Amino acid sequence: MSISILGIYVADLVFFGKKIPVEGETILGNNFVIGPGGKGSNQAVAAAKAGVKTYFISKIGDDQFGSMARKIYEEAGV
């Protein structure tokens, strides 16, 4: 069995702060991480990790985020 998924890959930027801001408030972040995201991308990685032969159809850029995506797919077996 195999599955083909058409979707997007995005790089999620997650910022951390000491508290959750209230409406209209600006706070300073003290750290952030970059990680993989995109519903189709996440589904493709999950399916591959579950042992299904998985193909992911998307437009991936030729930049650091595209490199991150390709590495994730290679490691997951997509």
N, C-alpha and C. Protein backbone atom coordinates (compact mmCIF):
# COMPACT_ATOMS: atom_id res chain seq x y z
N MET A 1 0.84 -1.18 0.00
CA MET A 1 0.00 0.00 0.00
C MET A 1 0.89 1.24 0.00
N SER A 2 0.45 2.27 -0.70
CA SER A 2 1.16 3.55 -0.68
C SER A 2 0.13 4.68 -0.63
N ILE A 3 0.61 5.85 -0.26
CA ILE A 3 -0.25 7.02 -0.18
C ILE A 3 0.49 8.20 -0.80
N SER A 4 -0.23 9.04 -1.52
CA SER A 4 0.31 10.29 -2.06
C SER A 4 -0.44 11.44 -1.42
N ILE A 5 0.30 12.43 -0.95
CA ILE A 5 -0.31 13.57 -0.27
C ILE A 5 0.11 14.84 -1.00
N LEU A 6 -0.86 15.67 -1.34
CA LEU A 6 -0.62 16.97 -1.95
C LEU A 6 -0.86 18.02 -0.88
N GLY A 7 0.15 18.82 -0.58
CA GLY A 7 0.00 19.80 0.49
C GLY A 7 1.15 20.77 0.52
N ILE A 8 1.25 21.49 1.62
CA ILE A 8 2.30 22.49 1.75
C ILE A 8 3.26 22.14 2.88
N TYR A 9 4.46 22.67 2.74
CA TYR A 9 5.44 22.65 3.82
C TYR A 9 5.65 24.10 4.24
N VAL A 10 5.66 24.35 5.51
CA VAL A 10 6.00 25.67 6.03
C VAL A 10 6.97 25.49 7.18
N ALA A 11 7.76 26.50 7.43
CA ALA A 11 8.64 26.49 8.59
C ALA A 11 7.94 27.29 9.69
N ASP A 12 7.63 26.63 10.78
CA ASP A 12 6.98 27.29 11.91
C ASP A 12 8.03 27.99 12.76
N LEU A 13 7.78 29.26 13.08
CA LEU A 13 8.64 30.01 14.00
C LEU A 13 7.88 30.14 15.31
N VAL A 14 8.41 29.57 16.36
CA VAL A 14 7.75 29.59 17.67
C VAL A 14 8.57 30.46 18.61
N PHE A 15 7.94 31.50 19.13
CA PHE A 15 8.62 32.43 20.04
C PHE A 15 8.16 32.18 21.47
N PHE A 16 9.08 32.32 22.41
CA PHE A 16 8.78 32.10 23.81
C PHE A 16 8.92 33.42 24.58
N GLY A 17 8.04 33.63 25.54
CA GLY A 17 8.10 34.80 26.41
C GLY A 17 7.86 34.37 27.84
N LYS A 18 8.05 35.31 28.73
CA LYS A 18 7.87 34.99 30.15
C LYS A 18 6.39 34.91 30.54
N LYS A 19 5.51 35.48 29.70
CA LYS A 19 4.08 35.42 29.98
C LYS A 19 3.31 35.52 28.67
N ILE A 20 2.03 35.24 28.72
CA ILE A 20 1.16 35.39 27.56
C ILE A 20 0.68 36.83 27.53
N PRO A 21 0.87 37.54 26.42
CA PRO A 21 0.45 38.95 26.39
C PRO A 21 -1.07 39.08 26.37
N VAL A 22 -1.55 40.16 26.95
CA VAL A 22 -2.97 40.47 26.87
C VAL A 22 -3.20 41.26 25.58
N GLU A 23 -4.45 41.39 25.18
CA GLU A 23 -4.78 42.08 23.94
C GLU A 23 -4.16 43.48 23.90
N GLY A 24 -3.43 43.78 22.83
CA GLY A 24 -2.81 45.09 22.64
C GLY A 24 -1.45 45.24 23.29
N GLU A 25 -1.03 44.25 24.06
CA GLU A 25 0.26 44.33 24.76
C GLU A 25 1.38 43.76 23.89
N THR A 26 2.52 44.40 23.95
CA THR A 26 3.72 43.91 23.27
C THR A 26 4.71 43.45 24.33
N ILE A 27 5.23 42.24 24.17
CA ILE A 27 6.23 41.74 25.11
C ILE A 27 7.48 41.32 24.34
N LEU A 28 8.58 41.21 25.03
CA LEU A 28 9.82 40.74 24.43
C LEU A 28 9.90 39.23 24.56
N GLY A 29 10.32 38.58 23.50
CA GLY A 29 10.56 37.15 23.55
C GLY A 29 11.96 36.88 24.06
N ASN A 30 12.15 35.73 24.67
CA ASN A 30 13.48 35.41 25.17
C ASN A 30 14.11 34.23 24.45
N ASN A 31 13.39 33.63 23.51
CA ASN A 31 13.93 32.49 22.75
C ASN A 31 12.96 32.16 21.62
N PHE A 32 13.45 31.48 20.60
CA PHE A 32 12.57 30.97 19.56
C PHE A 32 13.19 29.74 18.93
N VAL A 33 12.33 28.93 18.32
CA VAL A 33 12.78 27.74 17.60
C VAL A 33 12.10 27.72 16.24
N ILE A 34 12.77 27.09 15.29
CA ILE A 34 12.22 26.90 13.95
C ILE A 34 11.99 25.41 13.77
N GLY A 35 10.80 25.04 13.33
CA GLY A 35 10.50 23.63 13.13
C GLY A 35 9.59 23.42 11.94
N PRO A 36 9.40 22.17 11.56
CA PRO A 36 8.58 21.87 10.39
C PRO A 36 7.09 22.04 10.68
N GLY A 37 6.36 22.40 9.65
CA GLY A 37 4.92 22.53 9.79
C GLY A 37 4.23 22.37 8.44
N GLY A 38 2.95 22.60 8.44
CA GLY A 38 2.13 22.41 7.24
C GLY A 38 1.36 21.11 7.38
N LYS A 39 0.05 21.18 7.25
CA LYS A 39 -0.78 20.00 7.50
C LYS A 39 -0.40 18.83 6.60
N GLY A 40 -0.27 19.06 5.30
CA GLY A 40 0.09 17.98 4.38
C GLY A 40 1.45 17.39 4.69
N SER A 41 2.40 18.27 4.99
CA SER A 41 3.74 17.83 5.32
C SER A 41 3.75 16.96 6.57
N ASN A 42 3.05 17.42 7.60
CA ASN A 42 2.99 16.66 8.85
C ASN A 42 2.32 15.30 8.63
N GLN A 43 1.27 15.27 7.80
CA GLN A 43 0.59 14.01 7.51
C GLN A 43 1.50 13.05 6.76
N ALA A 44 2.29 13.57 5.83
CA ALA A 44 3.20 12.71 5.06
C ALA A 44 4.26 12.10 5.97
N VAL A 45 4.82 12.89 6.85
CA VAL A 45 5.85 12.38 7.77
C VAL A 45 5.24 11.34 8.71
N ALA A 46 4.05 11.62 9.24
CA ALA A 46 3.39 10.67 10.16
C ALA A 46 3.08 9.36 9.46
N ALA A 47 2.59 9.42 8.22
CA ALA A 47 2.27 8.20 7.48
C ALA A 47 3.53 7.38 7.22
N ALA A 48 4.61 8.05 6.83
CA ALA A 48 5.86 7.34 6.57
C ALA A 48 6.40 6.69 7.84
N LYS A 49 6.33 7.41 8.95
CA LYS A 49 6.80 6.85 10.22
C LYS A 49 5.94 5.68 10.68
N ALA A 50 4.68 5.64 10.22
CA ALA A 50 3.79 4.52 10.55
C ALA A 50 4.02 3.32 9.65
N GLY A 51 4.95 3.46 8.70
CA GLY A 51 5.31 2.32 7.86
C GLY A 51 4.66 2.28 6.49
N VAL A 52 3.94 3.33 6.11
CA VAL A 52 3.28 3.38 4.81
C VAL A 52 4.23 4.02 3.79
N LYS A 53 4.34 3.44 2.60
CA LYS A 53 5.11 4.04 1.52
C LYS A 53 4.43 5.36 1.17
N THR A 54 5.13 6.48 1.37
CA THR A 54 4.50 7.80 1.28
C THR A 54 5.20 8.69 0.27
N TYR A 55 4.38 9.35 -0.54
CA TYR A 55 4.86 10.36 -1.49
C TYR A 55 4.23 11.69 -1.11
N PHE A 56 5.03 12.75 -1.15
CA PHE A 56 4.53 14.09 -0.81
C PHE A 56 4.74 15.00 -2.01
N ILE A 57 3.67 15.62 -2.48
CA ILE A 57 3.72 16.51 -3.64
C ILE A 57 3.56 17.94 -3.14
N SER A 58 4.61 18.76 -3.38
CA SER A 58 4.58 20.13 -2.88
C SER A 58 5.62 20.96 -3.61
N LYS A 59 5.59 22.24 -3.42
CA LYS A 59 6.62 23.15 -3.93
C LYS A 59 7.54 23.46 -2.75
N ILE A 60 8.82 23.11 -2.89
CA ILE A 60 9.79 23.33 -1.82
C ILE A 60 10.85 24.29 -2.36
N GLY A 61 11.16 25.33 -1.61
CA GLY A 61 12.14 26.32 -2.03
C GLY A 61 13.57 25.81 -1.96
N ASP A 62 14.46 26.55 -2.59
CA ASP A 62 15.88 26.23 -2.60
C ASP A 62 16.60 27.16 -1.63
N ASP A 63 16.23 27.08 -0.36
CA ASP A 63 16.82 27.91 0.68
C ASP A 63 16.99 27.06 1.94
N GLN A 64 17.31 27.69 3.06
CA GLN A 64 17.55 26.92 4.29
C GLN A 64 16.30 26.18 4.76
N PHE A 65 15.12 26.73 4.51
CA PHE A 65 13.89 26.06 4.92
C PHE A 65 13.61 24.85 4.03
N GLY A 66 13.90 24.98 2.74
CA GLY A 66 13.77 23.85 1.83
C GLY A 66 14.73 22.74 2.18
N SER A 67 15.94 23.12 2.58
CA SER A 67 16.92 22.11 3.02
C SER A 67 16.43 21.38 4.26
N MET A 68 15.82 22.13 5.18
CA MET A 68 15.27 21.52 6.39
C MET A 68 14.18 20.52 6.01
N ALA A 69 13.31 20.90 5.07
CA ALA A 69 12.22 20.01 4.64
C ALA A 69 12.78 18.73 4.03
N ARG A 70 13.74 18.87 3.13
CA ARG A 70 14.30 17.68 2.46
C ARG A 70 14.95 16.73 3.46
N LYS A 71 15.63 17.28 4.45
CA LYS A 71 16.26 16.45 5.48
C LYS A 71 15.19 15.70 6.29
N ILE A 72 14.12 16.39 6.65
CA ILE A 72 13.03 15.76 7.41
C ILE A 72 12.41 14.62 6.62
N TYR A 73 12.14 14.86 5.32
CA TYR A 73 11.53 13.82 4.49
C TYR A 73 12.46 12.63 4.30
N GLU A 74 13.74 12.91 4.12
CA GLU A 74 14.70 11.82 3.95
C GLU A 74 14.77 10.96 5.21
N GLU A 75 14.83 11.61 6.37
CA GLU A 75 14.91 10.87 7.64
C GLU A 75 13.63 10.08 7.91
N ALA A 76 12.48 10.61 7.48
CA ALA A 76 11.20 9.93 7.73
C ALA A 76 10.89 8.86 6.69
N GLY A 77 11.59 8.91 5.55
CA GLY A 77 11.32 7.94 4.49
C GLY A 77 10.22 8.36 3.55
N VAL A 78 9.99 9.66 3.44
CA VAL A 78 8.96 10.18 2.51
C VAL A 78 9.57 10.25 1.13
